[in-house]
């Protein structure tokens, strides 16, 4: 089974690698391969009349272009899936998913594909596994979990920063001084350290569970000879 990922940013790419390594460990009898294209942020969906033909480096801006390209590539391969992984941010999840599906329909995508949306953002998947956070950061400040509601539209990465970053989110934002690169580096560290300890299935995030389900159902179908 071959998975081609389109991923919003580098920190999510790091976490996806950890997830796929765990899937490999679970399905040792299966040949599982994957590749990743990650972007420099989510960007914006293009509106009618804004059919730019150049790459922007932003996932939503470039999504039609990359879906068409990988659709052509994957149709010539057996047992493949195109998986788009991105944050919900403050969007209505159902409406956002419908918009993404419309992109696939409008661009006549014929290969197997799935849209996996982290609600509100990728750090929700990390916060869904408290034991992994404890293992990665033994001095974690767990009291901050009291103000977090799983997969809610709230300050997700900020809460994780208060839990694991020295002197919390205030210190991180001060160090960043308006530059996202510092915050992005911290997010990559969290994805790597916590992701390495995460359980494949024991996670409180419904959107993470959806992601795992979309991957595993394709592997199971392959085993049964359905794909």
Protein backbone atom coordinates (compact mmCIF):
# COMPACT_ATOMS: atom_id res chain seq x y z
CA UNK A 1 0.00 0.00 0.00
CA UNK A 2 1.36 3.37 -1.03
CA UNK A 3 0.27 6.64 0.59
CA UNK A 4 1.02 10.03 -0.93
CA UNK A 5 0.57 12.78 1.65
CA UNK A 6 -0.05 16.47 1.05
CA UNK A 7 0.69 18.12 4.40
CA UNK A 8 0.17 21.66 5.63
CA UNK A 9 3.51 22.25 7.34
CA UNK A 10 6.72 20.70 8.60
CA UNK A 11 5.57 19.89 12.14
CA UNK A 12 2.63 17.88 10.80
CA UNK A 13 5.00 16.12 8.40
CA UNK A 14 7.13 15.05 11.37
CA UNK A 15 4.10 13.67 13.20
CA UNK A 16 2.82 11.84 10.10
CA UNK A 17 6.20 10.11 9.79
CA UNK A 18 5.91 8.88 13.39
CA UNK A 19 2.38 7.64 12.75
CA UNK A 20 3.39 5.80 9.60
CA UNK A 21 6.34 4.16 11.36
CA UNK A 22 3.92 2.86 14.00
CA UNK A 23 1.60 1.58 11.30
CA UNK A 24 4.54 -0.23 9.71
CA UNK A 25 5.28 -1.84 13.08
CA UNK A 26 1.66 -2.98 13.41
CA UNK A 27 1.28 -4.32 9.88
CA UNK A 28 4.64 -6.03 9.54
CA UNK A 29 3.30 -8.50 7.00
CA UNK A 30 2.23 -5.69 4.66
CA UNK A 31 4.41 -3.64 2.34
CA UNK A 32 3.61 -0.04 3.27
CA UNK A 33 5.28 2.92 1.63
CA UNK A 34 4.64 6.63 1.79
CA UNK A 35 5.89 9.92 0.49
CA UNK A 36 5.19 13.48 1.63
CA UNK A 37 4.87 16.89 0.13
CA UNK A 38 4.66 19.53 2.83
CA UNK A 39 3.82 23.18 2.39
CA UNK A 40 4.66 26.46 4.10
CA UNK A 41 1.28 26.91 5.71
CA UNK A 42 -2.34 26.41 4.78
CA UNK A 43 -3.07 29.47 2.61
CA UNK A 44 -6.55 30.07 1.22
CA UNK A 45 -8.97 28.35 -1.12
CA UNK A 46 -9.04 30.00 -4.53
CA UNK A 47 -12.29 31.62 -5.53
CA UNK A 48 -13.95 31.57 -8.92
CA UNK A 49 -12.07 33.76 -11.35
CA UNK A 50 -8.80 33.41 -9.45
CA UNK A 51 -7.22 30.58 -11.41
CA UNK A 52 -3.57 31.27 -10.77
CA UNK A 53 -1.28 28.81 -12.48
CA UNK A 54 1.81 29.34 -10.37
CA UNK A 55 2.83 27.61 -7.16
CA UNK A 56 2.50 29.60 -3.95
CA UNK A 57 3.91 27.15 -1.42
CA UNK A 58 0.58 27.23 0.47
CA UNK A 59 -1.48 24.06 0.63
CA UNK A 60 -4.97 25.35 -0.15
CA UNK A 61 -3.77 27.71 -2.87
CA UNK A 62 -1.90 24.91 -4.64
CA UNK A 63 -4.24 22.03 -3.79
CA UNK A 64 -6.02 21.73 -7.17
CA UNK A 65 -2.70 21.73 -9.01
CA UNK A 66 -1.13 19.04 -6.81
CA UNK A 67 -4.25 16.89 -6.68
CA UNK A 68 -4.39 16.81 -10.47
CA UNK A 69 -0.69 15.97 -10.72
CA UNK A 70 -0.82 13.15 -8.17
CA UNK A 71 -4.11 11.88 -9.58
CA UNK A 72 -2.35 11.30 -12.87
CA UNK A 73 0.60 9.62 -11.16
CA UNK A 74 -1.36 7.39 -8.77
CA UNK A 75 -3.79 6.12 -11.38
CA UNK A 76 -0.86 4.37 -12.97
CA UNK A 77 0.00 2.58 -9.73
CA UNK A 78 -1.77 -0.16 -7.78
CA UNK A 79 -3.08 0.14 -4.20
CA UNK A 80 -2.50 3.83 -3.63
CA UNK A 81 -4.17 6.69 -1.80
CA UNK A 82 -3.72 10.46 -1.77
CA UNK A 83 -4.13 11.81 1.79
CA UNK A 84 -4.41 15.54 2.46
CA UNK A 85 -3.63 16.48 6.08
CA UNK A 86 -4.38 20.01 7.25
CA UNK A 87 -5.67 22.11 10.13
CA UNK A 88 -9.24 23.25 10.57
CA UNK A 89 -8.26 26.47 12.37
CA UNK A 90 -11.54 28.34 12.98
CA UNK A 91 -13.54 26.89 10.08
CA UNK A 92 -16.72 24.88 10.43
CA UNK A 93 -15.44 21.33 9.92
CA UNK A 94 -18.36 20.00 7.88
CA UNK A 95 -18.43 23.02 5.59
CA UNK A 96 -14.65 22.92 5.16
CA UNK A 97 -14.70 19.23 4.28
CA UNK A 98 -17.43 19.88 1.72
CA UNK A 99 -15.30 22.64 0.15
CA UNK A 100 -12.36 20.25 -0.09
CA UNK A 101 -14.51 17.52 -1.61
CA UNK A 102 -15.76 20.04 -4.17
CA UNK A 103 -12.17 20.69 -5.20
CA UNK A 104 -11.69 16.98 -5.86
CA UNK A 105 -14.96 16.75 -7.77
CA UNK A 106 -14.34 19.92 -9.73
CA UNK A 107 -10.90 18.70 -10.77
CA UNK A 108 -12.22 15.22 -11.66
CA UNK A 109 -9.91 13.41 -9.23
CA UNK A 110 -10.29 9.68 -9.86
CA UNK A 111 -7.65 8.19 -7.58
CA UNK A 112 -8.48 7.13 -4.03
CA UNK A 113 -8.18 10.15 -1.72
CA UNK A 114 -9.00 11.32 1.80
CA UNK A 115 -9.11 14.68 3.56
CA UNK A 116 -7.95 14.42 7.18
CA UNK A 117 -8.58 17.59 9.16
CA UNK A 118 -6.94 18.25 12.53
CA UNK A 119 -9.44 20.04 14.76
CA UNK A 120 -8.48 22.78 15.61
CA UNK A 121 -4.87 22.10 14.66
CA UNK A 122 -2.24 19.36 14.71
CA UNK A 123 -1.35 20.02 18.35
CA UNK A 124 -4.81 18.66 19.24
CA UNK A 125 -3.52 15.24 18.17
CA UNK A 126 -0.58 15.62 20.54
CA UNK A 127 -2.83 16.78 23.39
CA UNK A 128 -4.98 13.72 22.77
CA UNK A 129 -2.26 11.46 24.19
CA UNK A 130 -1.44 12.66 27.71
CA UNK A 131 0.83 9.70 28.44
CA UNK A 132 2.96 10.51 25.41
CA UNK A 133 3.30 14.11 26.62
CA UNK A 134 4.37 12.89 30.07
CA UNK A 135 6.94 10.54 28.55
CA UNK A 136 8.39 13.23 26.27
CA UNK A 137 8.33 15.98 28.91
CA UNK A 138 8.59 14.55 32.45
CA UNK A 139 8.31 18.05 33.94
CA UNK A 140 5.12 18.86 32.03
CA UNK A 141 2.70 21.27 33.74
CA UNK A 142 -0.43 19.17 33.58
CA UNK A 143 -2.62 21.77 35.31
CA UNK A 144 -2.99 23.56 31.98
CA UNK A 145 -4.97 20.60 30.60
CA UNK A 146 -7.86 21.73 32.82
CA UNK A 147 -8.58 24.61 30.42
CA UNK A 148 -8.46 22.45 27.31
CA UNK A 149 -11.43 20.80 25.63
CA UNK A 150 -10.37 18.13 23.13
CA UNK A 151 -10.83 19.15 19.49
CA UNK A 152 -12.44 22.43 20.49
CA UNK A 153 -11.88 25.70 18.64
CA UNK A 154 -9.53 27.13 21.25
CA UNK A 155 -5.88 28.12 21.80
CA UNK A 156 -4.57 24.61 21.18
CA UNK A 157 -0.87 25.13 20.54
CA UNK A 158 -0.75 27.87 23.16
CA UNK A 159 -1.99 25.44 25.82
CA UNK A 160 0.60 22.87 24.79
CA UNK A 161 3.27 25.59 25.00
CA UNK A 162 2.18 26.43 28.56
CA UNK A 163 2.52 22.74 29.40
CA UNK A 164 5.95 21.98 27.95
CA UNK A 165 7.80 25.17 26.97
CA UNK A 166 10.03 26.78 29.62
CA UNK A 167 8.03 29.68 31.12
CA UNK A 168 5.13 28.90 28.83
CA UNK A 169 3.53 30.51 25.82
CA UNK A 170 4.26 34.06 27.00
CA UNK A 171 7.99 33.35 26.93
CA UNK A 172 7.76 31.63 23.54
CA UNK A 173 5.86 34.55 21.98
CA UNK A 174 8.34 37.03 23.46
CA UNK A 175 11.26 35.07 22.04
CA UNK A 176 9.53 34.86 18.66
CA UNK A 177 9.00 38.65 18.57
CA UNK A 178 6.45 38.32 15.80
CA UNK A 179 8.43 35.75 13.80
CA UNK A 180 6.64 32.48 13.15
CA UNK A 181 9.90 30.60 12.55
CA UNK A 182 10.63 30.41 16.29
CA UNK A 183 7.15 29.10 17.06
CA UNK A 184 7.35 26.73 14.08
CA UNK A 185 10.61 25.32 15.42
CA UNK A 186 8.99 24.68 18.80
CA UNK A 187 6.04 22.97 17.12
CA UNK A 188 8.41 20.71 15.20
CA UNK A 189 10.13 19.74 18.45
CA UNK A 190 6.80 18.89 20.10
CA UNK A 191 5.70 16.82 17.11
CA UNK A 192 8.96 14.90 17.14
CA UNK A 193 9.30 14.29 20.87
CA UNK A 194 5.65 13.61 21.67
CA UNK A 195 4.98 11.87 18.35
CA UNK A 196 7.69 9.33 19.10
CA UNK A 197 5.82 8.20 22.22
CA UNK A 198 2.26 8.44 20.90
CA UNK A 199 0.03 5.42 20.88
CA UNK A 200 -1.38 4.54 17.50
CA UNK A 201 -4.91 4.16 18.87
CA UNK A 202 -5.16 5.46 22.45
CA UNK A 203 -5.87 9.08 21.67
CA UNK A 204 -8.69 11.34 22.85
CA UNK A 205 -8.82 13.40 19.65
CA UNK A 206 -11.72 12.41 17.37
CA UNK A 207 -10.01 14.02 14.37
CA UNK A 208 -6.87 11.98 15.05
CA UNK A 209 -8.97 8.83 15.25
CA UNK A 210 -10.53 9.73 11.90
CA UNK A 211 -7.04 10.07 10.40
CA UNK A 212 -5.94 6.66 11.67
CA UNK A 213 -9.20 5.09 10.50
CA UNK A 214 -8.74 6.46 6.97
CA UNK A 215 -5.26 4.95 6.81
CA UNK A 216 -6.03 1.58 8.35
CA UNK A 217 -9.22 0.88 6.44
CA UNK A 218 -7.22 1.08 3.21
CA UNK A 219 -4.58 -1.30 4.52
CA UNK A 220 -7.24 -3.77 5.68
CA UNK A 221 -8.98 -3.63 2.31
CA UNK A 222 -5.66 -4.32 0.63
CA UNK A 223 -5.13 -7.35 2.88
CA UNK A 224 -8.54 -8.65 1.89
CA UNK A 225 -7.80 -8.07 -1.78
CA UNK A 226 -10.53 -5.43 -2.14
CA UNK A 227 -8.23 -2.67 -3.41
